[in-house]
Amino acid sequence: MEEKHIISLLHNKPKEIKELYNSHRNAFLNFGKKYDLDYDDLVDIYQEAFIALRNHAIKGKLATVKSSLKTYLFGIGKFMIFDLLKEKNKTTTLHTDLLSAYAHIDPIQIETETKDLTLEQQTLKTHFKKLGKKCKEVLTLFYSRGLTIDEIVECTDYTNGSVVRSQKSRCLKTLKEMIKS
């Protein structure tokens, strides 16, 4: 695996991580079309696969990987697709050439939180899903990923910190109003 990519993932370099994320996204979405999944499911799977890739980098698991970043990422995504298909009880015809291209990648365990959500957390999760794309992005980057306002400006299309602060404030206000109603 390319060392510069591992370093970018390890050291939380937002611009480089965003470039890595975007460089393989469309190829993965095209790859995933073969499994007859919804576009939104494929986008979610790609994001989860990329997060798993970053977690593997942080835990030092990528140092011994012999494949390219793209192949490894697609392998993670492929197993996530299979898990989703199993959940949905879908059957799909797999092309043997596709299987052989990724057959050398071992399945990985994705760590997920199994703790039950409280009523408040369930309510927040439900209403958060109803927010627009930009609101979800800003709130996730700030609260979940822990990025500062300046880091959010760096890794998004926002022009400056004031715009990000205003957007975050509007999104929180919207979320609070949704929860109250």
N, C-alpha and C. Protein backbone atom coordinates (compact mmCIF):
# COMPACT_ATOMS: atom_id res chain seq x y z
N MET A 1 0.85 -1.18 0.00
CA MET A 1 0.00 0.00 0.00
C MET A 1 0.90 1.24 0.00
N GLU A 2 0.44 2.27 -0.67
CA GLU A 2 1.21 3.50 -0.79
C GLU A 2 1.37 4.17 0.58
N GLU A 3 2.62 4.38 0.98
CA GLU A 3 2.91 4.93 2.30
C GLU A 3 2.35 6.34 2.48
N LYS A 4 2.35 7.14 1.41
CA LYS A 4 1.84 8.51 1.54
C LYS A 4 0.35 8.50 1.90
N HIS A 5 -0.39 7.51 1.40
CA HIS A 5 -1.81 7.40 1.74
C HIS A 5 -1.99 7.01 3.21
N ILE A 6 -1.18 6.07 3.66
CA ILE A 6 -1.26 5.65 5.06
C ILE A 6 -0.95 6.83 5.97
N ILE A 7 0.06 7.61 5.63
CA ILE A 7 0.44 8.77 6.44
C ILE A 7 -0.70 9.79 6.47
N SER A 8 -1.33 10.04 5.33
CA SER A 8 -2.46 10.97 5.29
C SER A 8 -3.59 10.51 6.20
N LEU A 9 -3.89 9.22 6.16
CA LEU A 9 -4.96 8.66 6.99
C LEU A 9 -4.60 8.70 8.48
N LEU A 10 -3.34 8.46 8.77
CA LEU A 10 -2.87 8.44 10.16
C LEU A 10 -2.87 9.82 10.80
N HIS A 11 -2.43 10.80 10.05
CA HIS A 11 -2.19 12.13 10.63
C HIS A 11 -3.33 13.11 10.41
N ASN A 12 -4.49 12.59 10.04
CA ASN A 12 -5.69 13.41 9.92
C ASN A 12 -5.46 14.68 9.11
N LYS A 13 -5.03 14.50 7.88
CA LYS A 13 -4.83 15.63 6.97
C LYS A 13 -6.10 15.76 6.12
N PRO A 14 -7.01 16.67 6.52
CA PRO A 14 -8.34 16.73 5.91
C PRO A 14 -8.35 16.84 4.38
N LYS A 15 -7.51 17.70 3.81
CA LYS A 15 -7.54 17.86 2.35
C LYS A 15 -7.11 16.58 1.65
N GLU A 16 -6.06 15.94 2.16
CA GLU A 16 -5.58 14.71 1.54
C GLU A 16 -6.57 13.56 1.74
N ILE A 17 -7.20 13.51 2.91
CA ILE A 17 -8.20 12.47 3.16
C ILE A 17 -9.39 12.68 2.23
N LYS A 18 -9.80 13.94 2.05
CA LYS A 18 -10.92 14.23 1.15
C LYS A 18 -10.58 13.82 -0.28
N GLU A 19 -9.34 14.09 -0.71
CA GLU A 19 -8.92 13.69 -2.05
C GLU A 19 -8.93 12.18 -2.20
N LEU A 20 -8.41 11.47 -1.18
CA LEU A 20 -8.43 10.01 -1.21
C LEU A 20 -9.86 9.49 -1.27
N TYR A 21 -10.72 10.06 -0.45
CA TYR A 21 -12.11 9.65 -0.40
C TYR A 21 -12.77 9.83 -1.77
N ASN A 22 -12.58 10.99 -2.36
CA ASN A 22 -13.22 11.29 -3.64
C ASN A 22 -12.59 10.55 -4.82
N SER A 23 -11.30 10.19 -4.71
CA SER A 23 -10.62 9.58 -5.85
C SER A 23 -11.16 8.20 -6.21
N HIS A 24 -11.74 7.49 -5.26
CA HIS A 24 -12.24 6.13 -5.53
C HIS A 24 -13.76 6.00 -5.40
N ARG A 25 -14.42 7.08 -5.03
CA ARG A 25 -15.86 7.03 -4.74
C ARG A 25 -16.68 6.61 -5.97
N ASN A 26 -16.49 7.30 -7.08
CA ASN A 26 -17.29 6.98 -8.28
C ASN A 26 -17.02 5.58 -8.80
N ALA A 27 -15.75 5.17 -8.76
CA ALA A 27 -15.41 3.81 -9.20
C ALA A 27 -16.11 2.77 -8.32
N PHE A 28 -16.14 3.03 -7.01
CA PHE A 28 -16.81 2.09 -6.10
C PHE A 28 -18.31 2.07 -6.36
N LEU A 29 -18.91 3.24 -6.57
CA LEU A 29 -20.36 3.28 -6.83
C LEU A 29 -20.69 2.53 -8.11
N ASN A 30 -19.85 2.66 -9.14
CA ASN A 30 -20.06 1.89 -10.38
C ASN A 30 -19.88 0.40 -10.13
N PHE A 31 -18.88 0.04 -9.35
CA PHE A 31 -18.64 -1.35 -8.98
C PHE A 31 -19.86 -1.92 -8.25
N GLY A 32 -20.43 -1.14 -7.34
CA GLY A 32 -21.55 -1.59 -6.54
C GLY A 32 -22.86 -1.74 -7.29
N LYS A 33 -22.97 -1.09 -8.46
CA LYS A 33 -24.21 -1.18 -9.25
C LYS A 33 -24.52 -2.62 -9.65
N LYS A 34 -23.48 -3.43 -9.76
CA LYS A 34 -23.65 -4.83 -10.18
C LYS A 34 -24.49 -5.63 -9.18
N TYR A 35 -24.61 -5.14 -7.96
CA TYR A 35 -25.30 -5.86 -6.91
C TYR A 35 -26.74 -5.40 -6.72
N ASP A 36 -27.20 -4.51 -7.59
CA ASP A 36 -28.59 -4.07 -7.60
C ASP A 36 -29.02 -3.48 -6.25
N LEU A 37 -28.16 -2.61 -5.69
CA LEU A 37 -28.49 -1.92 -4.45
C LEU A 37 -28.87 -0.48 -4.76
N ASP A 38 -29.60 0.14 -3.84
CA ASP A 38 -29.96 1.55 -3.99
C ASP A 38 -28.69 2.40 -3.95
N TYR A 39 -28.73 3.52 -4.64
CA TYR A 39 -27.62 4.46 -4.66
C TYR A 39 -27.25 4.89 -3.23
N ASP A 40 -28.25 5.21 -2.42
CA ASP A 40 -27.99 5.65 -1.04
C ASP A 40 -27.30 4.56 -0.23
N ASP A 41 -27.69 3.29 -0.42
CA ASP A 41 -27.03 2.18 0.28
C ASP A 41 -25.57 2.10 -0.13
N LEU A 42 -25.30 2.27 -1.42
CA LEU A 42 -23.91 2.20 -1.90
C LEU A 42 -23.08 3.35 -1.35
N VAL A 43 -23.66 4.54 -1.29
CA VAL A 43 -22.95 5.69 -0.73
C VAL A 43 -22.63 5.44 0.74
N ASP A 44 -23.61 4.93 1.48
CA ASP A 44 -23.39 4.62 2.90
C ASP A 44 -22.30 3.56 3.08
N ILE A 45 -22.34 2.53 2.25
CA ILE A 45 -21.34 1.47 2.34
C ILE A 45 -19.96 2.02 2.04
N TYR A 46 -19.85 2.85 1.00
CA TYR A 46 -18.55 3.41 0.68
C TYR A 46 -18.01 4.24 1.84
N GLN A 47 -18.87 5.05 2.44
CA GLN A 47 -18.43 5.87 3.56
C GLN A 47 -17.99 4.99 4.74
N GLU A 48 -18.75 3.97 5.04
CA GLU A 48 -18.37 3.06 6.13
C GLU A 48 -17.08 2.31 5.82
N ALA A 49 -16.91 1.92 4.57
CA ALA A 49 -15.68 1.24 4.17
C ALA A 49 -14.48 2.17 4.30
N PHE A 50 -14.66 3.43 3.93
CA PHE A 50 -13.57 4.39 4.04
C PHE A 50 -13.22 4.64 5.51
N ILE A 51 -14.23 4.72 6.36
CA ILE A 51 -13.99 4.89 7.79
C ILE A 51 -13.24 3.68 8.35
N ALA A 52 -13.64 2.49 7.93
CA ALA A 52 -12.95 1.27 8.37
C ALA A 52 -11.49 1.29 7.90
N LEU A 53 -11.27 1.74 6.67
CA LEU A 53 -9.91 1.86 6.14
C LEU A 53 -9.08 2.79 7.02
N ARG A 54 -9.65 3.93 7.38
CA ARG A 54 -8.94 4.89 8.22
C ARG A 54 -8.66 4.30 9.60
N ASN A 55 -9.63 3.60 10.16
CA ASN A 55 -9.42 2.95 11.46
C ASN A 55 -8.29 1.91 11.38
N HIS A 56 -8.22 1.20 10.27
CA HIS A 56 -7.15 0.22 10.09
C HIS A 56 -5.80 0.93 10.02
N ALA A 57 -5.75 2.08 9.38
CA ALA A 57 -4.50 2.84 9.31
C ALA A 57 -4.08 3.29 10.70
N ILE A 58 -5.03 3.79 11.47
CA ILE A 58 -4.74 4.28 12.82
C ILE A 58 -4.25 3.13 13.71
N LYS A 59 -4.81 1.94 13.52
CA LYS A 59 -4.42 0.79 14.35
C LYS A 59 -3.17 0.08 13.82
N GLY A 60 -2.59 0.60 12.73
CA GLY A 60 -1.35 0.03 12.19
C GLY A 60 -1.53 -1.24 11.38
N LYS A 61 -2.74 -1.52 10.94
CA LYS A 61 -3.02 -2.76 10.21
C LYS A 61 -2.66 -2.68 8.72
N LEU A 62 -2.36 -1.48 8.22
CA LEU A 62 -2.10 -1.34 6.78
C LEU A 62 -0.63 -1.50 6.41
N ALA A 63 0.24 -1.52 7.41
CA ALA A 63 1.68 -1.58 7.14
C ALA A 63 2.07 -2.84 6.38
N THR A 64 1.38 -3.93 6.60
CA THR A 64 1.75 -5.19 5.95
C THR A 64 0.88 -5.53 4.74
N VAL A 65 -0.05 -4.66 4.40
CA VAL A 65 -0.94 -4.92 3.27
C VAL A 65 -0.17 -4.79 1.96
N LYS A 66 -0.30 -5.79 1.11
CA LYS A 66 0.43 -5.81 -0.17
C LYS A 66 -0.37 -5.22 -1.33
N SER A 67 -1.67 -5.10 -1.18
CA SER A 67 -2.50 -4.58 -2.27
C SER A 67 -2.50 -3.05 -2.27
N SER A 68 -3.06 -2.48 -3.31
CA SER A 68 -3.20 -1.02 -3.37
C SER A 68 -4.32 -0.57 -2.44
N LEU A 69 -4.33 0.70 -2.14
CA LEU A 69 -5.38 1.27 -1.30
C LEU A 69 -6.75 1.00 -1.92
N LYS A 70 -6.86 1.19 -3.22
CA LYS A 70 -8.14 1.01 -3.91
C LYS A 70 -8.62 -0.44 -3.78
N THR A 71 -7.75 -1.39 -4.00
CA THR A 71 -8.13 -2.79 -3.91
C THR A 71 -8.57 -3.15 -2.49
N TYR A 72 -7.83 -2.67 -1.51
CA TYR A 72 -8.15 -2.94 -0.11
C TYR A 72 -9.50 -2.32 0.25
N LEU A 73 -9.69 -1.06 -0.15
CA LEU A 73 -10.94 -0.35 0.12
C LEU A 73 -12.12 -1.06 -0.54
N PHE A 74 -11.96 -1.48 -1.78
CA PHE A 74 -13.03 -2.19 -2.48
C PHE A 74 -13.32 -3.53 -1.81
N GLY A 75 -12.29 -4.18 -1.29
CA GLY A 75 -12.49 -5.44 -0.58
C GLY A 75 -13.34 -5.25 0.66
N ILE A 76 -13.04 -4.20 1.42
CA ILE A 76 -13.85 -3.90 2.60
C ILE A 76 -15.30 -3.64 2.18
N GLY A 77 -15.45 -2.81 1.15
CA GLY A 77 -16.79 -2.47 0.66
C GLY A 77 -17.54 -3.68 0.14
N LYS A 78 -16.82 -4.57 -0.53
CA LYS A 78 -17.46 -5.77 -1.09
C LYS A 78 -18.07 -6.62 0.03
N PHE A 79 -17.35 -6.80 1.12
CA PHE A 79 -17.88 -7.60 2.22
C PHE A 79 -19.03 -6.89 2.91
N MET A 80 -19.00 -5.57 2.94
CA MET A 80 -20.13 -4.82 3.49
C MET A 80 -21.36 -4.96 2.61
N ILE A 81 -21.14 -4.97 1.29
CA ILE A 81 -22.25 -5.19 0.35
C ILE A 81 -22.85 -6.57 0.59
N PHE A 82 -21.99 -7.58 0.73
CA PHE A 82 -22.48 -8.94 0.96
C PHE A 82 -23.28 -9.01 2.25
N ASP A 83 -22.79 -8.34 3.30
CA ASP A 83 -23.53 -8.32 4.57
C ASP A 83 -24.90 -7.68 4.39
N LEU A 84 -24.96 -6.57 3.65
CA LEU A 84 -26.24 -5.90 3.42
C LEU A 84 -27.18 -6.80 2.62
N LEU A 85 -26.65 -7.46 1.62
CA LEU A 85 -27.48 -8.37 0.82
C LEU A 85 -28.01 -9.51 1.67
N LYS A 86 -27.19 -10.02 2.58
CA LYS A 86 -27.65 -11.08 3.48
C LYS A 86 -28.77 -10.55 4.37
N GLU A 87 -28.60 -9.33 4.87
CA GLU A 87 -29.63 -8.73 5.72
C GLU A 87 -30.94 -8.58 4.98
N LYS A 88 -30.86 -8.20 3.75
CA LYS A 88 -32.07 -7.97 2.96
C LYS A 88 -32.59 -9.24 2.32
N ASN A 89 -31.92 -10.36 2.59
CA ASN A 89 -32.29 -11.66 2.02
C ASN A 89 -32.37 -11.61 0.50
N LYS A 90 -31.47 -10.85 -0.07
CA LYS A 90 -31.44 -10.78 -1.53
C LYS A 90 -30.51 -11.87 -2.04
N THR A 91 -30.82 -12.35 -3.20
CA THR A 91 -29.89 -13.24 -3.87
C THR A 91 -29.37 -12.51 -5.08
N THR A 92 -28.12 -12.72 -5.38
CA THR A 92 -27.53 -12.03 -6.50
C THR A 92 -26.58 -12.97 -7.23
N THR A 93 -26.46 -12.78 -8.49
CA THR A 93 -25.53 -13.56 -9.27
C THR A 93 -24.21 -12.83 -9.30
N LEU A 94 -23.19 -13.47 -8.82
CA LEU A 94 -21.87 -12.85 -8.78
C LEU A 94 -21.07 -13.30 -9.99
N HIS A 95 -20.46 -12.38 -10.64
CA HIS A 95 -19.63 -12.68 -11.79
C HIS A 95 -18.29 -13.24 -11.31
N THR A 96 -17.87 -14.35 -11.90
CA THR A 96 -16.66 -15.01 -11.42
C THR A 96 -15.43 -14.14 -11.60
N ASP A 97 -15.40 -13.32 -12.66
CA ASP A 97 -14.23 -12.45 -12.84
C ASP A 97 -14.16 -11.39 -11.75
N LEU A 98 -15.31 -10.93 -11.28
CA LEU A 98 -15.33 -9.97 -10.18
C LEU A 98 -14.86 -10.62 -8.90
N LEU A 99 -15.31 -11.83 -8.66
CA LEU A 99 -14.89 -12.53 -7.46
C LEU A 99 -13.40 -12.79 -7.46
N SER A 100 -12.87 -13.21 -8.58
CA SER A 100 -11.44 -13.53 -8.63
C SER A 100 -10.59 -12.28 -8.47
N ALA A 101 -11.09 -11.14 -8.92
CA ALA A 101 -10.33 -9.90 -8.80
C ALA A 101 -10.12 -9.50 -7.35
N TYR A 102 -11.06 -9.87 -6.49
CA TYR A 102 -10.97 -9.47 -5.07
C TYR A 102 -10.89 -10.67 -4.13
N ALA A 103 -10.63 -11.84 -4.66
CA ALA A 103 -10.63 -13.06 -3.86
C ALA A 103 -9.49 -13.10 -2.85
N HIS A 104 -8.40 -12.40 -3.12
CA HIS A 104 -7.24 -12.43 -2.23
C HIS A 104 -7.43 -11.59 -0.96
N ILE A 105 -8.52 -10.86 -0.87
CA ILE A 105 -8.76 -9.99 0.29
C ILE A 105 -9.54 -10.77 1.33
N ASP A 106 -8.97 -10.83 2.52
CA ASP A 106 -9.63 -11.53 3.61
C ASP A 106 -10.75 -10.68 4.18
N PRO A 107 -11.82 -11.32 4.64
CA PRO A 107 -12.89 -10.55 5.29
C PRO A 107 -12.38 -9.91 6.57
N ILE A 108 -12.93 -8.76 6.91
CA ILE A 108 -12.52 -8.08 8.12
C ILE A 108 -13.73 -7.91 9.03
N GLN A 109 -13.46 -7.74 10.28
CA GLN A 109 -14.52 -7.47 11.24
C GLN A 109 -14.61 -5.97 11.43
N ILE A 110 -15.78 -5.43 11.26
CA ILE A 110 -16.02 -4.01 11.48
C ILE A 110 -16.56 -3.87 12.90
N GLU A 111 -15.91 -3.01 13.66
CA GLU A 111 -16.34 -2.82 15.03
C GLU A 111 -17.54 -1.88 15.05
N THR A 112 -18.63 -2.36 15.60
CA THR A 112 -19.82 -1.54 15.71
C THR A 112 -20.28 -1.51 17.15
N GLU A 113 -20.92 -0.44 17.48
CA GLU A 113 -21.42 -0.30 18.84
C GLU A 113 -22.74 -1.05 18.95
N THR A 114 -22.81 -1.97 19.89
CA THR A 114 -24.01 -2.79 20.02
C THR A 114 -24.93 -2.29 21.13
N LYS A 115 -24.49 -1.28 21.85
CA LYS A 115 -25.27 -0.74 22.95
C LYS A 115 -26.59 -0.17 22.42
N ASP A 116 -27.67 -0.44 23.13
CA ASP A 116 -28.98 0.09 22.75
C ASP A 116 -29.00 1.60 22.96
N LEU A 117 -29.68 2.27 22.06
CA LEU A 117 -29.80 3.73 22.17
C LEU A 117 -30.92 4.09 23.15
N THR A 118 -30.70 5.18 23.86
CA THR A 118 -31.75 5.69 24.75
C THR A 118 -32.84 6.32 23.89
N LEU A 119 -33.96 6.63 24.49
CA LEU A 119 -35.07 7.27 23.78
C LEU A 119 -34.61 8.59 23.18
N GLU A 120 -33.84 9.37 23.94
CA GLU A 120 -33.34 10.66 23.45
C GLU A 120 -32.41 10.47 22.25
N GLN A 121 -31.53 9.47 22.33
CA GLN A 121 -30.61 9.21 21.23
C GLN A 121 -31.36 8.74 19.98
N GLN A 122 -32.39 7.92 20.17
CA GLN A 122 -33.19 7.47 19.03
C GLN A 122 -33.91 8.64 18.37
N THR A 123 -34.44 9.54 19.20
CA THR A 123 -35.13 10.73 18.69
C THR A 123 -34.16 11.60 17.90
N LEU A 124 -32.99 11.83 18.46
CA LEU A 124 -31.97 12.63 17.78
C LEU A 124 -31.58 11.99 16.46
N LYS A 125 -31.35 10.69 16.46
CA LYS A 125 -30.96 9.97 15.25
C LYS A 125 -32.05 10.09 14.17
N THR A 126 -33.29 9.91 14.57
CA THR A 126 -34.42 9.99 13.63
C THR A 126 -34.49 11.37 12.98
N HIS A 127 -34.41 12.41 13.79
CA HIS A 127 -34.52 13.77 13.25
C HIS A 127 -33.26 14.19 12.50
N PHE A 128 -32.11 13.70 12.91
CA PHE A 128 -30.86 14.01 12.21
C PHE A 128 -30.92 13.51 10.77
N LYS A 129 -31.52 12.34 10.57
CA LYS A 129 -31.64 11.77 9.23
C LYS A 129 -32.49 12.65 8.30
N LYS A 130 -33.38 13.46 8.90
CA LYS A 130 -34.26 14.31 8.11
C LYS A 130 -33.60 15.62 7.68
N LEU A 131 -32.44 15.93 8.26
CA LEU A 131 -31.75 17.17 7.91
C LEU A 131 -31.21 17.09 6.49
N GLY A 132 -30.92 18.24 5.92
CA GLY A 132 -30.33 18.30 4.60
C GLY A 132 -28.88 17.82 4.60
N LYS A 133 -28.37 17.59 3.41
CA LYS A 133 -27.01 17.06 3.25
C LYS A 133 -25.97 17.96 3.90
N LYS A 134 -26.05 19.26 3.66
CA LYS A 134 -25.05 20.21 4.20
C LYS A 134 -25.10 20.25 5.72
N CYS A 135 -26.30 20.21 6.29
CA CYS A 135 -26.43 20.22 7.76
C CYS A 135 -25.81 18.96 8.35
N LYS A 136 -26.13 17.81 7.76
CA LYS A 136 -25.57 16.56 8.25
C LYS A 136 -24.05 16.61 8.20
N GLU A 137 -23.52 17.13 7.10
CA GLU A 137 -22.07 17.19 6.92
C GLU A 137 -21.42 18.06 8.00
N VAL A 138 -21.92 19.28 8.19
CA VAL A 138 -21.31 20.21 9.15
C VAL A 138 -21.40 19.65 10.56
N LEU A 139 -22.58 19.17 10.94
CA LEU A 139 -22.76 18.67 12.31
C LEU A 139 -21.92 17.41 12.56
N THR A 140 -21.82 16.54 11.57
CA THR A 140 -21.01 15.34 11.70
C THR A 140 -19.53 15.69 11.82
N LEU A 141 -19.07 16.59 10.96
CA LEU A 141 -17.66 16.98 11.02
C LEU A 141 -17.32 17.63 12.36
N PHE A 142 -18.22 18.47 12.87
CA PHE A 142 -17.94 19.20 14.10
C PHE A 142 -18.11 18.32 15.34
N TYR A 143 -19.25 17.66 15.47
CA TYR A 143 -19.54 16.93 16.70
C TYR A 143 -19.03 15.48 16.71
N SER A 144 -19.15 14.80 15.59
CA SER A 144 -18.77 13.40 15.57
C SER A 144 -17.28 13.22 15.29
N ARG A 145 -16.77 13.93 14.28
CA ARG A 145 -15.36 13.81 13.92
C ARG A 145 -14.47 14.72 14.75
N GLY A 146 -15.07 15.73 15.41
CA GLY A 146 -14.30 16.61 16.29
C GLY A 146 -13.43 17.62 15.57
N LEU A 147 -13.78 17.96 14.32
CA LEU A 147 -13.00 18.95 13.59
C LEU A 147 -13.31 20.36 14.09
N THR A 148 -12.32 21.23 14.03
CA THR A 148 -12.54 22.63 14.38
C THR A 148 -13.21 23.33 13.20
N ILE A 149 -13.67 24.55 13.43
CA ILE A 149 -14.30 25.33 12.35
C ILE A 149 -13.31 25.50 11.20
N ASP A 150 -12.05 25.84 11.52
CA ASP A 150 -11.04 26.03 10.47
C ASP A 150 -10.76 24.75 9.69
N GLU A 151 -10.76 23.61 10.37
CA GLU A 151 -10.55 22.34 9.68
C GLU A 151 -11.72 22.01 8.77
N ILE A 152 -12.92 22.39 9.19
CA ILE A 152 -14.10 22.16 8.34
C ILE A 152 -14.00 23.02 7.08
N VAL A 153 -13.54 24.26 7.22
CA VAL A 153 -13.34 25.13 6.04
C VAL A 153 -12.35 24.48 5.08
N GLU A 154 -11.27 23.91 5.64
CA GLU A 154 -10.23 23.28 4.81
C GLU A 154 -10.75 22.09 4.01
N CYS A 155 -11.61 21.29 4.62
CA CYS A 155 -12.01 20.04 3.96
C CYS A 155 -13.37 20.13 3.26
N THR A 156 -13.96 21.31 3.19
CA THR A 156 -15.24 21.46 2.51
C THR A 156 -15.17 22.64 1.54
N ASP A 157 -16.31 22.97 0.96
CA ASP A 157 -16.38 24.07 0.00
C ASP A 157 -16.74 25.40 0.66
N TYR A 158 -16.82 25.44 1.97
CA TYR A 158 -17.16 26.70 2.65
C TYR A 158 -16.01 27.69 2.50
N THR A 159 -16.37 28.99 2.39
CA THR A 159 -15.36 30.01 2.12
C THR A 159 -14.60 30.47 3.35
N ASN A 160 -15.26 30.48 4.51
CA ASN A 160 -14.56 30.92 5.73
C ASN A 160 -15.28 30.39 6.96
N GLY A 161 -14.66 30.63 8.11
CA GLY A 161 -15.18 30.14 9.37
C GLY A 161 -16.53 30.72 9.76
N SER A 162 -16.77 31.97 9.39
CA SER A 162 -18.06 32.60 9.72
C SER A 162 -19.22 31.88 9.05
N VAL A 163 -19.00 31.48 7.82
CA VAL A 163 -20.04 30.76 7.08
C VAL A 163 -20.32 29.41 7.75
N VAL A 164 -19.26 28.72 8.17
CA VAL A 164 -19.41 27.43 8.83
C VAL A 164 -20.15 27.60 10.16
N ARG A 165 -19.76 28.61 10.95
CA ARG A 165 -20.43 28.86 12.24
C ARG A 165 -21.91 29.16 12.03
N SER A 166 -22.22 29.99 11.03
CA SER A 166 -23.62 30.31 10.74
C SER A 166 -24.40 29.07 10.32
N GLN A 167 -23.80 28.28 9.45
CA GLN A 167 -24.45 27.05 8.97
C GLN A 167 -24.69 26.10 10.15
N LYS A 168 -23.69 25.92 10.99
CA LYS A 168 -23.81 25.04 12.15
C LYS A 168 -24.92 25.53 13.07
N SER A 169 -24.98 26.83 13.30
CA SER A 169 -26.00 27.41 14.17
C SER A 169 -27.40 27.19 13.60
N ARG A 170 -27.56 27.43 12.30
CA ARG A 170 -28.86 27.23 11.65
C ARG A 170 -29.27 25.75 11.72
N CYS A 171 -28.32 24.88 11.49
CA CYS A 171 -28.62 23.45 11.50
C CYS A 171 -29.04 22.98 12.89
N LEU A 172 -28.33 23.44 13.91
CA LEU A 172 -28.70 23.08 15.28
C LEU A 172 -30.08 23.59 15.64
N LYS A 173 -30.36 24.83 15.22
CA LYS A 173 -31.67 25.42 15.49
C LYS A 173 -32.77 24.59 14.82
N THR A 174 -32.55 24.22 13.57
CA THR A 174 -33.51 23.38 12.83
C THR A 174 -33.71 22.05 13.52
N LEU A 175 -32.61 21.43 13.93
CA LEU A 175 -32.69 20.13 14.60
C LEU A 175 -33.46 20.24 15.91
N LYS A 176 -33.18 21.28 16.68
CA LYS A 176 -33.87 21.48 17.96
C LYS A 176 -35.38 21.67 17.72
N GLU A 177 -35.76 22.45 16.71
CA GLU A 177 -37.17 22.69 16.41
C GLU A 177 -37.85 21.40 15.98
N MET A 178 -37.15 20.58 15.21
CA MET A 178 -37.73 19.30 14.78
C MET A 178 -37.97 18.40 15.99
N ILE A 179 -37.05 18.39 16.93
CA ILE A 179 -37.17 17.53 18.09
C ILE A 179 -38.31 18.01 19.00
N LYS A 180 -38.45 19.34 19.15
CA LYS A 180 -39.51 19.89 20.00
C LYS A 180 -40.90 19.59 19.49
N SER A 181 -41.03 19.54 18.16
CA SER A 181 -42.38 19.35 17.59
C SER A 181 -42.85 17.93 17.62
